[in-house]
Amino acid sequence: MQYDSCRGLEGWTVINYGYDDFWDYKYRQWLSSPSKSAGLFETEEQLAENSASRWAMIPLTRAMDTLVINISARRSRIREALREVNKRRSDFVEWMIL
């Protein structure tokens, strides 16, 4: 199932595979879109980040009980954000390296 089509597909346990790649895809998609709206106080990169982040929230809300987020080993904004969540909420967010 592609991330673009995951609305309405809930499950007890959901695995978001390549989650950082999805965020990057949505970021690049917004930048390459001819119909993007320019921001008065934000750069195109900030608007692309906002758009990608909104899209990235959809697959995060599909799990009813357990959410597994798979990311690549490379550095990324998503990796940094998820690592920060793990540090702040280690009582229920587990960081695993496989």
C-alpha atoms as a PDB file:
ATOM      1  CA  MET A   1       0.000   0.000   0.000  1.00  0.00           C
ATOM      2  CA  GLN A   2       1.388   3.379  -0.932  1.00  0.00           C
ATOM      3  CA  TYR A   3       1.390   6.141   1.645  1.00  0.00           C
ATOM      4  CA  ASP A   4      -0.604   8.398  -0.678  1.00  0.00           C
ATOM      5  CA  SER A   5      -3.463   5.867  -0.497  1.00  0.00           C
ATOM      6  CA  CYS A   6      -3.471   4.967   3.212  1.00  0.00           C
ATOM      7  CA  ARG A   7      -6.445   7.059   4.347  1.00  0.00           C
ATOM      8  CA  GLY A   8      -9.130   4.870   5.831  1.00  0.00           C
ATOM      9  CA  LEU A   9      -6.798   1.907   6.313  1.00  0.00           C
ATOM     10  CA  GLU A  10      -6.457   1.385  10.041  1.00  0.00           C
ATOM     11  CA  GLY A  11      -5.012  -1.638  11.794  1.00  0.00           C
ATOM     12  CA  TRP A  12      -4.090  -2.852  15.259  1.00  0.00           C
ATOM     13  CA  THR A  13      -0.420  -2.852  14.333  1.00  0.00           C
ATOM     14  CA  VAL A  14       0.877  -0.667  11.517  1.00  0.00           C
ATOM     15  CA  ILE A  15       4.389  -0.612  10.080  1.00  0.00           C
ATOM     16  CA  ASN A  16       5.428   2.579   8.299  1.00  0.00           C
ATOM     17  CA  TYR A  17       8.236   1.305   6.094  1.00  0.00           C
ATOM     18  CA  GLY A  18      10.657   3.866   4.639  1.00  0.00           C
ATOM     19  CA  TYR A  19       8.932   6.673   6.517  1.00  0.00           C
ATOM     20  CA  ASP A  20      11.786   9.150   5.994  1.00  0.00           C
ATOM     21  CA  ASP A  21      11.768   8.375   2.263  1.00  0.00           C
ATOM     22  CA  PHE A  22       8.055   9.196   2.176  1.00  0.00           C
ATOM     23  CA  TRP A  23       8.687  12.559   3.881  1.00  0.00           C
ATOM     24  CA  ASP A  24      11.471  13.338   1.375  1.00  0.00           C
ATOM     25  CA  TYR A  25       9.185  12.339  -1.513  1.00  0.00           C
ATOM     26  CA  LYS A  26       6.443  14.702  -0.341  1.00  0.00           C
ATOM     27  CA  TYR A  27       9.004  17.490   0.219  1.00  0.00           C
ATOM     28  CA  ARG A  28      10.370  17.138  -3.331  1.00  0.00           C
ATOM     29  CA  GLN A  29       6.861  16.776  -4.745  1.00  0.00           C
ATOM     30  CA  TRP A  30       5.807  20.125  -3.266  1.00  0.00           C
ATOM     31  CA  LEU A  31       8.966  21.860  -4.559  1.00  0.00           C
ATOM     32  CA  SER A  32       8.401  20.534  -8.073  1.00  0.00           C
ATOM     33  CA  SER A  33       4.686  21.345  -8.105  1.00  0.00           C
ATOM     34  CA  PRO A  34       3.813  24.113 -10.581  1.00  0.00           C
ATOM     35  CA  SER A  35       0.716  25.096  -8.610  1.00  0.00           C
ATOM     36  CA  LYS A  36       2.404  25.843  -5.293  1.00  0.00           C
ATOM     37  CA  SER A  37       1.452  29.006  -3.469  1.00  0.00           C
ATOM     38  CA  ALA A  38       4.230  31.345  -2.393  1.00  0.00           C
ATOM     39  CA  GLY A  39       4.440  32.315   1.240  1.00  0.00           C
ATOM     40  CA  LEU A  40       4.735  35.884   2.396  1.00  0.00           C
ATOM     41  CA  PHE A  41       6.952  35.120   5.386  1.00  0.00           C
ATOM     42  CA  GLU A  42       8.136  31.592   4.611  1.00  0.00           C
ATOM     43  CA  THR A  43      10.651  30.289   2.109  1.00  0.00           C
ATOM     44  CA  GLU A  44       9.754  27.623  -0.442  1.00  0.00           C
ATOM     45  CA  GLU A  45      11.764  25.125   1.618  1.00  0.00           C
ATOM     46  CA  GLN A  46       9.756  25.937   4.760  1.00  0.00           C
ATOM     47  CA  LEU A  47       6.494  25.578   2.863  1.00  0.00           C
ATOM     48  CA  ALA A  48       7.691  22.256   1.422  1.00  0.00           C
ATOM     49  CA  GLU A  49       8.577  21.078   4.955  1.00  0.00           C
ATOM     50  CA  ASN A  50       5.126  22.069   6.202  1.00  0.00           C
ATOM     51  CA  SER A  51       3.425  20.231   3.358  1.00  0.00           C
ATOM     52  CA  ALA A  52       5.555  17.093   3.789  1.00  0.00           C
ATOM     53  CA  SER A  53       4.950  17.132   7.537  1.00  0.00           C
ATOM     54  CA  ARG A  54       1.181  17.359   7.105  1.00  0.00           C
ATOM     55  CA  TRP A  55       1.242  14.404   4.705  1.00  0.00           C
ATOM     56  CA  ALA A  56       3.512  12.497   7.092  1.00  0.00           C
ATOM     57  CA  MET A  57       0.939  12.769   9.880  1.00  0.00           C
ATOM     58  CA  ILE A  58      -1.596  10.638   7.987  1.00  0.00           C
ATOM     59  CA  PRO A  59       0.263   7.287   8.226  1.00  0.00           C
ATOM     60  CA  LEU A  60       1.125   8.035  11.868  1.00  0.00           C
ATOM     61  CA  THR A  61      -2.574   7.942  12.741  1.00  0.00           C
ATOM     62  CA  ARG A  62      -3.415   4.549  11.170  1.00  0.00           C
ATOM     63  CA  ALA A  63      -2.443   2.319  14.125  1.00  0.00           C
ATOM     64  CA  MET A  64      -4.989   1.480  16.797  1.00  0.00           C
ATOM     65  CA  ASP A  65      -2.474  -0.125  19.185  1.00  0.00           C
ATOM     66  CA  THR A  66       1.119  -0.417  17.949  1.00  0.00           C
ATOM     67  CA  LEU A  67       2.958   1.796  15.474  1.00  0.00           C
ATOM     68  CA  VAL A  68       6.323   0.745  14.035  1.00  0.00           C
ATOM     69  CA  ILE A  69       8.228   3.394  12.114  1.00  0.00           C
ATOM     70  CA  ASN A  70      11.044   2.219   9.859  1.00  0.00           C
ATOM     71  CA  ILE A  71      13.619   4.783   8.729  1.00  0.00           C
ATOM     72  CA  SER A  72      16.905   4.491   6.889  1.00  0.00           C
ATOM     73  CA  ALA A  73      20.316   4.767   8.552  1.00  0.00           C
ATOM     74  CA  ARG A  74      21.062   8.124   6.918  1.00  0.00           C
ATOM     75  CA  ARG A  75      20.719  11.447   8.708  1.00  0.00           C
ATOM     76  CA  SER A  76      17.418  13.181   8.123  1.00  0.00           C
ATOM     77  CA  ARG A  77      15.038  15.655   9.706  1.00  0.00           C
ATOM     78  CA  ILE A  78      12.638  12.805  10.418  1.00  0.00           C
ATOM     79  CA  ARG A  79      15.341  10.750  12.137  1.00  0.00           C
ATOM     80  CA  GLU A  80      16.274  13.712  14.351  1.00  0.00           C
ATOM     81  CA  ALA A  81      12.622  14.417  15.209  1.00  0.00           C
ATOM     82  CA  LEU A  82      11.880  10.775  16.048  1.00  0.00           C
ATOM     83  CA  ARG A  83      15.047  10.514  18.129  1.00  0.00           C
ATOM     84  CA  GLU A  84      13.929  13.557  20.121  1.00  0.00           C
ATOM     85  CA  VAL A  85      10.511  11.978  20.695  1.00  0.00           C
ATOM     86  CA  ASN A  86      12.259   8.835  21.940  1.00  0.00           C
ATOM     87  CA  LYS A  87      14.384  10.854  24.385  1.00  0.00           C
ATOM     88  CA  ARG A  88      11.357  12.692  25.767  1.00  0.00           C
ATOM     89  CA  ARG A  89       8.958   9.738  25.824  1.00  0.00           C
ATOM     90  CA  SER A  90      11.154   6.695  26.396  1.00  0.00           C
ATOM     91  CA  ASP A  91       8.459   5.232  28.651  1.00  0.00           C
ATOM     92  CA  PHE A  92       6.409   4.269  25.585  1.00  0.00           C
ATOM     93  CA  VAL A  93       8.640   5.005  22.563  1.00  0.00           C
ATOM     94  CA  GLU A  94      11.279   2.379  21.918  1.00  0.00           C
ATOM     95  CA  TRP A  95      14.266   3.015  19.614  1.00  0.00           C
ATOM     96  CA  MET A  96      15.614  -0.118  17.953  1.00  0.00           C
ATOM     97  CA  ILE A  97      18.532  -0.505  15.586  1.00  0.00           C
ATOM     98  CA  LEU A  98      18.390  -3.638  13.487  1.00  0.00           C
END
